Amino acid sequence: MKRHVAGTLLGVLGFFITDSHIDWVRHDDRLLMEINGLPVDAQGWVAERWRQLHPDCGAVRTEAIGSPAAQAVLHTIEQHSPPDSLNAQLLQLHRQADWAVAEVGFQTLNPSIVVLQQVQGHWRILDGAVWSGSTSPWLPADFVRRYLQQQAPQMPEALRVCVPIDAQRYATTATRPRARPGTGVGA
């Protein structure tokens, strides 16, 4: 067999083998790659790698958990939705000017990422800009950052981009059940 025929045949065969294992599906108005039926957030992965390569976090300060500012933020969060919020634990706090992003843990609630703004010397929670729960099938960092951008567009970009988001807290390892052909029942 001639080399160009073998190369062409190998290319076509490689394409069909890849095509039989990889699909692109639309989910939540974004594309999600499925490899052998398992979801992969390729867009989120690329966005997070890009963010890590191009950080501009000079204006963002990490506050110590015991600092007065951190305690004021924690008090605001504790008063937000009692009684469950009364046992909030501040996991991390990042500030830029009069904005803050806090990550808090609870005994009875999922961990949350909360956007706050200081108005006339008092911290105020932006009600729509609170993330809690799983991001599955999406990678947590990119998904939560996009959500915060949508809910608090006036928040400084550097603050949104520079807050570390722990993937373990906001992702689940459970895969979506797949229906068996013709039954509508998960495999």
C-alpha atoms as a PDB file:
ATOM      1  CA  MET A   1       0.000   0.000   0.000  1.00  0.00           C
ATOM      2  CA  LYS A   2       1.325   3.448  -0.873  1.00  0.00           C
ATOM      3  CA  ARG A   3       2.221   5.808   1.951  1.00  0.00           C
ATOM      4  CA  HIS A   4      -0.304   8.526   1.074  1.00  0.00           C
ATOM      5  CA  VAL A   5      -3.118   5.951   0.895  1.00  0.00           C
ATOM      6  CA  ALA A   6      -2.059   4.452   4.241  1.00  0.00           C
ATOM      7  CA  GLY A   7      -1.836   7.940   5.792  1.00  0.00           C
ATOM      8  CA  THR A   8      -5.268   8.887   4.487  1.00  0.00           C
ATOM      9  CA  LEU A   9      -6.770   5.606   5.669  1.00  0.00           C
ATOM     10  CA  LEU A  10      -5.173   6.031   9.105  1.00  0.00           C
ATOM     11  CA  GLY A  11      -6.506   9.599   9.366  1.00  0.00           C
ATOM     12  CA  VAL A  12     -10.056   8.580   8.390  1.00  0.00           C
ATOM     13  CA  LEU A  13      -9.976   5.583  10.737  1.00  0.00           C
ATOM     14  CA  GLY A  14      -8.669   7.780  13.588  1.00  0.00           C
ATOM     15  CA  PHE A  15     -11.462  10.286  12.987  1.00  0.00           C
ATOM     16  CA  PHE A  16     -14.202   7.632  13.123  1.00  0.00           C
ATOM     17  CA  ILE A  17     -12.771   5.959  16.221  1.00  0.00           C
ATOM     18  CA  THR A  18     -12.549   9.332  17.992  1.00  0.00           C
ATOM     19  CA  ASP A  19     -16.051  10.266  16.802  1.00  0.00           C
ATOM     20  CA  SER A  20     -17.487   7.056  18.237  1.00  0.00           C
ATOM     21  CA  HIS A  21     -16.151   7.899  21.719  1.00  0.00           C
ATOM     22  CA  ILE A  22     -16.490  11.704  21.948  1.00  0.00           C
ATOM     23  CA  ASP A  23     -19.700  13.684  21.697  1.00  0.00           C
ATOM     24  CA  TRP A  24     -20.516  17.335  22.249  1.00  0.00           C
ATOM     25  CA  VAL A  25     -23.836  17.977  23.987  1.00  0.00           C
ATOM     26  CA  ARG A  26     -25.550  21.231  24.837  1.00  0.00           C
ATOM     27  CA  HIS A  27     -26.255  21.541  28.570  1.00  0.00           C
ATOM     28  CA  ASP A  28     -27.191  24.738  30.471  1.00  0.00           C
ATOM     29  CA  ASP A  29     -26.541  26.847  27.334  1.00  0.00           C
ATOM     30  CA  ARG A  30     -22.936  25.602  27.051  1.00  0.00           C
ATOM     31  CA  LEU A  31     -21.158  22.760  25.320  1.00  0.00           C
ATOM     32  CA  LEU A  32     -20.196  19.757  27.400  1.00  0.00           C
ATOM     33  CA  MET A  33     -17.913  17.075  26.038  1.00  0.00           C
ATOM     34  CA  GLU A  34     -18.886  13.464  26.724  1.00  0.00           C
ATOM     35  CA  ILE A  35     -16.226  10.789  26.490  1.00  0.00           C
ATOM     36  CA  ASN A  36     -17.804   7.339  26.488  1.00  0.00           C
ATOM     37  CA  GLY A  37     -20.853   8.867  28.176  1.00  0.00           C
ATOM     38  CA  LEU A  38     -18.938  10.611  30.985  1.00  0.00           C
ATOM     39  CA  PRO A  39     -19.250  14.428  31.081  1.00  0.00           C
ATOM     40  CA  VAL A  40     -16.092  16.539  30.738  1.00  0.00           C
ATOM     41  CA  ASP A  41     -16.144  20.333  31.068  1.00  0.00           C
ATOM     42  CA  ALA A  42     -13.491  21.122  28.469  1.00  0.00           C
ATOM     43  CA  GLN A  43     -14.436  24.819  28.278  1.00  0.00           C
ATOM     44  CA  GLY A  44     -14.166  25.164  32.063  1.00  0.00           C
ATOM     45  CA  TRP A  45     -10.815  23.413  32.088  1.00  0.00           C
ATOM     46  CA  VAL A  46      -9.406  25.736  29.397  1.00  0.00           C
ATOM     47  CA  ALA A  47     -10.830  28.845  31.130  1.00  0.00           C
ATOM     48  CA  GLU A  48      -9.274  27.855  34.469  1.00  0.00           C
ATOM     49  CA  ARG A  49      -5.868  27.141  32.917  1.00  0.00           C
ATOM     50  CA  TRP A  50      -5.993  30.516  31.125  1.00  0.00           C
ATOM     51  CA  ARG A  51      -6.868  32.238  34.416  1.00  0.00           C
ATOM     52  CA  GLN A  52      -3.946  30.548  36.168  1.00  0.00           C
ATOM     53  CA  LEU A  53      -1.514  31.620  33.441  1.00  0.00           C
ATOM     54  CA  HIS A  54      -2.640  35.273  33.407  1.00  0.00           C
ATOM     55  CA  PRO A  55      -3.276  36.305  37.024  1.00  0.00           C
ATOM     56  CA  ASP A  56      -3.559  39.982  37.961  1.00  0.00           C
ATOM     57  CA  CYS A  57      -4.248  39.793  41.674  1.00  0.00           C
ATOM     58  CA  GLY A  58      -2.191  42.725  42.947  1.00  0.00           C
ATOM     59  CA  ALA A  59      -5.268  44.665  44.088  1.00  0.00           C
ATOM     60  CA  VAL A  60      -6.815  41.706  45.956  1.00  0.00           C
ATOM     61  CA  ARG A  61      -5.980  41.201  49.637  1.00  0.00           C
ATOM     62  CA  THR A  62      -6.391  37.959  51.560  1.00  0.00           C
ATOM     63  CA  GLU A  63      -7.694  38.749  55.041  1.00  0.00           C
ATOM     64  CA  ALA A  64      -6.642  36.757  58.085  1.00  0.00           C
ATOM     65  CA  ILE A  65      -9.592  34.845  59.568  1.00  0.00           C
ATOM     66  CA  GLY A  66      -9.155  36.599  62.938  1.00  0.00           C
ATOM     67  CA  SER A  67      -8.873  40.146  61.552  1.00  0.00           C
ATOM     68  CA  PRO A  68     -11.507  42.749  62.482  1.00  0.00           C
ATOM     69  CA  ALA A  69     -12.695  42.923  58.854  1.00  0.00           C
ATOM     70  CA  ALA A  70     -13.098  39.130  58.734  1.00  0.00           C
ATOM     71  CA  GLN A  71     -15.030  39.129  61.985  1.00  0.00           C
ATOM     72  CA  ALA A  72     -17.346  41.889  60.686  1.00  0.00           C
ATOM     73  CA  VAL A  73     -17.987  39.899  57.490  1.00  0.00           C
ATOM     74  CA  LEU A  74     -18.623  36.728  59.493  1.00  0.00           C
ATOM     75  CA  HIS A  75     -21.091  38.571  61.744  1.00  0.00           C
ATOM     76  CA  THR A  76     -22.976  39.824  58.659  1.00  0.00           C
ATOM     77  CA  ILE A  77     -23.173  36.282  57.269  1.00  0.00           C
ATOM     78  CA  GLU A  78     -24.297  34.836  60.621  1.00  0.00           C
ATOM     79  CA  GLN A  79     -27.197  37.308  60.715  1.00  0.00           C
ATOM     80  CA  HIS A  80     -28.234  36.642  57.113  1.00  0.00           C
ATOM     81  CA  SER A  81     -30.451  33.563  57.517  1.00  0.00           C
ATOM     82  CA  PRO A  82     -30.623  32.329  61.112  1.00  0.00           C
ATOM     83  CA  PRO A  83     -30.733  29.833  62.698  1.00  0.00           C
ATOM     84  CA  ASP A  84     -28.603  27.816  60.221  1.00  0.00           C
ATOM     85  CA  SER A  85     -26.240  30.692  59.495  1.00  0.00           C
ATOM     86  CA  LEU A  86     -25.471  31.285  63.179  1.00  0.00           C
ATOM     87  CA  ASN A  87     -22.826  28.534  63.178  1.00  0.00           C
ATOM     88  CA  ALA A  88     -21.019  29.791  60.053  1.00  0.00           C
ATOM     89  CA  GLN A  89     -17.264  29.295  59.918  1.00  0.00           C
ATOM     90  CA  LEU A  90     -15.206  31.597  57.743  1.00  0.00           C
ATOM     91  CA  LEU A  91     -12.952  29.489  55.496  1.00  0.00           C
ATOM     92  CA  GLN A  92     -11.384  32.330  53.500  1.00  0.00           C
ATOM     93  CA  LEU A  93     -11.901  36.017  52.844  1.00  0.00           C
ATOM     94  CA  HIS A  94     -10.588  38.130  49.966  1.00  0.00           C
ATOM     95  CA  ARG A  95     -11.099  41.887  49.589  1.00  0.00           C
ATOM     96  CA  GLN A  96     -10.689  44.589  47.007  1.00  0.00           C
ATOM     97  CA  ALA A  97     -11.672  48.134  47.964  1.00  0.00           C
ATOM     98  CA  ASP A  98     -15.205  47.964  49.397  1.00  0.00           C
ATOM     99  CA  TRP A  99     -15.903  44.470  48.005  1.00  0.00           C
ATOM    100  CA  ALA A 100     -15.318  41.074  49.582  1.00  0.00           C
ATOM    101  CA  VAL A 101     -15.766  37.424  48.674  1.00  0.00           C
ATOM    102  CA  ALA A 102     -16.078  35.065  51.618  1.00  0.00           C
ATOM    103  CA  GLU A 103     -16.192  31.299  51.648  1.00  0.00           C
ATOM    104  CA  VAL A 104     -18.057  29.898  54.628  1.00  0.00           C
ATOM    105  CA  GLY A 105     -18.832  26.448  55.961  1.00  0.00           C
ATOM    106  CA  PHE A 106     -21.808  25.401  58.069  1.00  0.00           C
ATOM    107  CA  GLN A 107     -22.816  22.426  60.216  1.00  0.00           C
ATOM    108  CA  THR A 108     -26.154  21.906  58.459  1.00  0.00           C
ATOM    109  CA  LEU A 109     -25.785  23.733  55.119  1.00  0.00           C
ATOM    110  CA  ASN A 110     -23.540  23.307  52.099  1.00  0.00           C
ATOM    111  CA  PRO A 111     -20.418  25.487  52.006  1.00  0.00           C
ATOM    112  CA  SER A 112     -21.075  28.808  50.307  1.00  0.00           C
ATOM    113  CA  ILE A 113     -19.299  31.558  48.457  1.00  0.00           C
ATOM    114  CA  VAL A 114     -20.749  34.942  49.389  1.00  0.00           C
ATOM    115  CA  VAL A 115     -20.224  38.324  47.726  1.00  0.00           C
ATOM    116  CA  LEU A 116     -20.407  41.319  50.052  1.00  0.00           C
ATOM    117  CA  GLN A 117     -20.131  45.059  49.564  1.00  0.00           C
ATOM    118  CA  GLN A 118     -19.320  47.618  52.219  1.00  0.00           C
ATOM    119  CA  VAL A 119     -21.875  50.428  52.227  1.00  0.00           C
ATOM    120  CA  GLN A 120     -21.451  53.330  54.664  1.00  0.00           C
ATOM    121  CA  GLY A 121     -19.104  51.269  56.814  1.00  0.00           C
ATOM    122  CA  HIS A 122     -21.350  48.176  57.025  1.00  0.00           C
ATOM    123  CA  TRP A 123     -21.018  44.925  55.096  1.00  0.00           C
ATOM    124  CA  ARG A 124     -24.018  43.957  52.978  1.00  0.00           C
ATOM    125  CA  ILE A 125     -24.580  40.593  51.266  1.00  0.00           C
ATOM    126  CA  LEU A 126     -25.621  40.767  47.635  1.00  0.00           C
ATOM    127  CA  ASP A 127     -28.526  38.315  47.864  1.00  0.00           C
ATOM    128  CA  GLY A 128     -28.309  37.002  44.329  1.00  0.00           C
ATOM    129  CA  ALA A 129     -24.531  36.577  44.525  1.00  0.00           C
ATOM    130  CA  VAL A 130     -24.322  33.609  46.892  1.00  0.00           C
ATOM    131  CA  TRP A 131     -23.214  30.231  45.568  1.00  0.00           C
ATOM    132  CA  SER A 132     -23.944  27.019  47.442  1.00  0.00           C
ATOM    133  CA  GLY A 133     -24.201  23.474  46.169  1.00  0.00           C
ATOM    134  CA  SER A 134     -22.791  21.277  43.468  1.00  0.00           C
ATOM    135  CA  THR A 135     -21.687  22.490  40.052  1.00  0.00           C
ATOM    136  CA  SER A 136     -21.768  19.008  38.519  1.00  0.00           C
ATOM    137  CA  PRO A 137     -21.180  18.282  35.645  1.00  0.00           C
ATOM    138  CA  TRP A 138     -19.263  21.574  35.338  1.00  0.00           C
ATOM    139  CA  LEU A 139     -15.851  22.263  36.879  1.00  0.00           C
ATOM    140  CA  PRO A 140     -16.488  24.375  39.980  1.00  0.00           C
ATOM    141  CA  ALA A 141     -14.010  27.251  39.578  1.00  0.00           C
ATOM    142  CA  ASP A 142     -15.115  28.466  36.147  1.00  0.00           C
ATOM    143  CA  PHE A 143     -18.801  27.732  36.805  1.00  0.00           C
ATOM    144  CA  VAL A 144     -18.909  29.666  40.106  1.00  0.00           C
ATOM    145  CA  ARG A 145     -16.942  32.593  38.653  1.00  0.00           C
ATOM    146  CA  ARG A 146     -19.344  32.859  35.706  1.00  0.00           C
ATOM    147  CA  TYR A 147     -22.283  32.723  38.135  1.00  0.00           C
ATOM    148  CA  LEU A 148     -20.805  35.492  40.312  1.00  0.00           C
ATOM    149  CA  GLN A 149     -20.103  37.628  37.241  1.00  0.00           C
ATOM    150  CA  GLN A 150     -23.725  37.229  36.183  1.00  0.00           C
ATOM    151  CA  GLN A 151     -25.136  37.983  39.655  1.00  0.00           C
ATOM    152  CA  ALA A 152     -22.745  40.794  40.639  1.00  0.00           C
ATOM    153  CA  PRO A 153     -21.464  42.370  37.400  1.00  0.00           C
ATOM    154  CA  GLN A 154     -20.296  45.477  39.288  1.00  0.00           C
ATOM    155  CA  MET A 155     -17.885  43.421  41.448  1.00  0.00           C
ATOM    156  CA  PRO A 156     -14.231  44.074  40.497  1.00  0.00           C
ATOM    157  CA  GLU A 157     -13.014  41.522  37.963  1.00  0.00           C
ATOM    158  CA  ALA A 158      -9.718  40.944  39.775  1.00  0.00           C
ATOM    159  CA  LEU A 159     -11.579  39.930  42.927  1.00  0.00           C
ATOM    160  CA  ARG A 160     -13.791  37.479  41.048  1.00  0.00           C
ATOM    161  CA  VAL A 161     -10.882  35.991  39.123  1.00  0.00           C
ATOM    162  CA  CYS A 162      -8.415  35.753  42.032  1.00  0.00           C
ATOM    163  CA  VAL A 163     -10.561  34.017  44.658  1.00  0.00           C
ATOM    164  CA  PRO A 164      -9.428  30.388  44.919  1.00  0.00           C
ATOM    165  CA  ILE A 165     -12.344  27.960  44.614  1.00  0.00           C
ATOM    166  CA  ASP A 166     -11.872  24.508  46.113  1.00  0.00           C
ATOM    167  CA  ALA A 167     -13.097  21.964  43.565  1.00  0.00           C
ATOM    168  CA  GLN A 168     -13.620  19.329  46.277  1.00  0.00           C
ATOM    169  CA  ARG A 169     -16.272  21.423  48.034  1.00  0.00           C
ATOM    170  CA  TYR A 170     -18.444  22.196  45.020  1.00  0.00           C
ATOM    171  CA  ALA A 171     -18.180  19.179  42.728  1.00  0.00           C
ATOM    172  CA  THR A 172     -19.665  15.736  43.148  1.00  0.00           C
ATOM    173  CA  THR A 173     -18.154  12.523  41.894  1.00  0.00           C
ATOM    174  CA  ALA A 174     -21.502  10.964  41.035  1.00  0.00           C
ATOM    175  CA  THR A 175     -22.125  10.535  37.343  1.00  0.00           C
ATOM    176  CA  ARG A 176     -25.471  11.173  35.767  1.00  0.00           C
ATOM    177  CA  PRO A 177     -27.523   7.984  35.329  1.00  0.00           C
ATOM    178  CA  ARG A 178     -27.758   6.938  31.719  1.00  0.00           C
ATOM    179  CA  ALA A 179     -30.957   5.478  30.377  1.00  0.00           C
ATOM    180  CA  ARG A 180     -30.872   1.965  28.981  1.00  0.00           C
ATOM    181  CA  PRO A 181     -32.152   1.983  25.411  1.00  0.00           C
ATOM    182  CA  GLY A 182     -35.885   1.508  25.236  1.00  0.00           C
ATOM    183  CA  THR A 183     -36.488   1.398  29.000  1.00  0.00           C
ATOM    184  CA  GLY A 184     -36.008   4.931  30.299  1.00  0.00           C
ATOM    185  CA  VAL A 185     -34.321   3.322  33.329  1.00  0.00           C
ATOM    186  CA  GLY A 186     -30.760   4.099  34.398  1.00  0.00           C
ATOM    187  CA  ALA A 187     -28.100   1.500  33.638  1.00  0.00           C
END
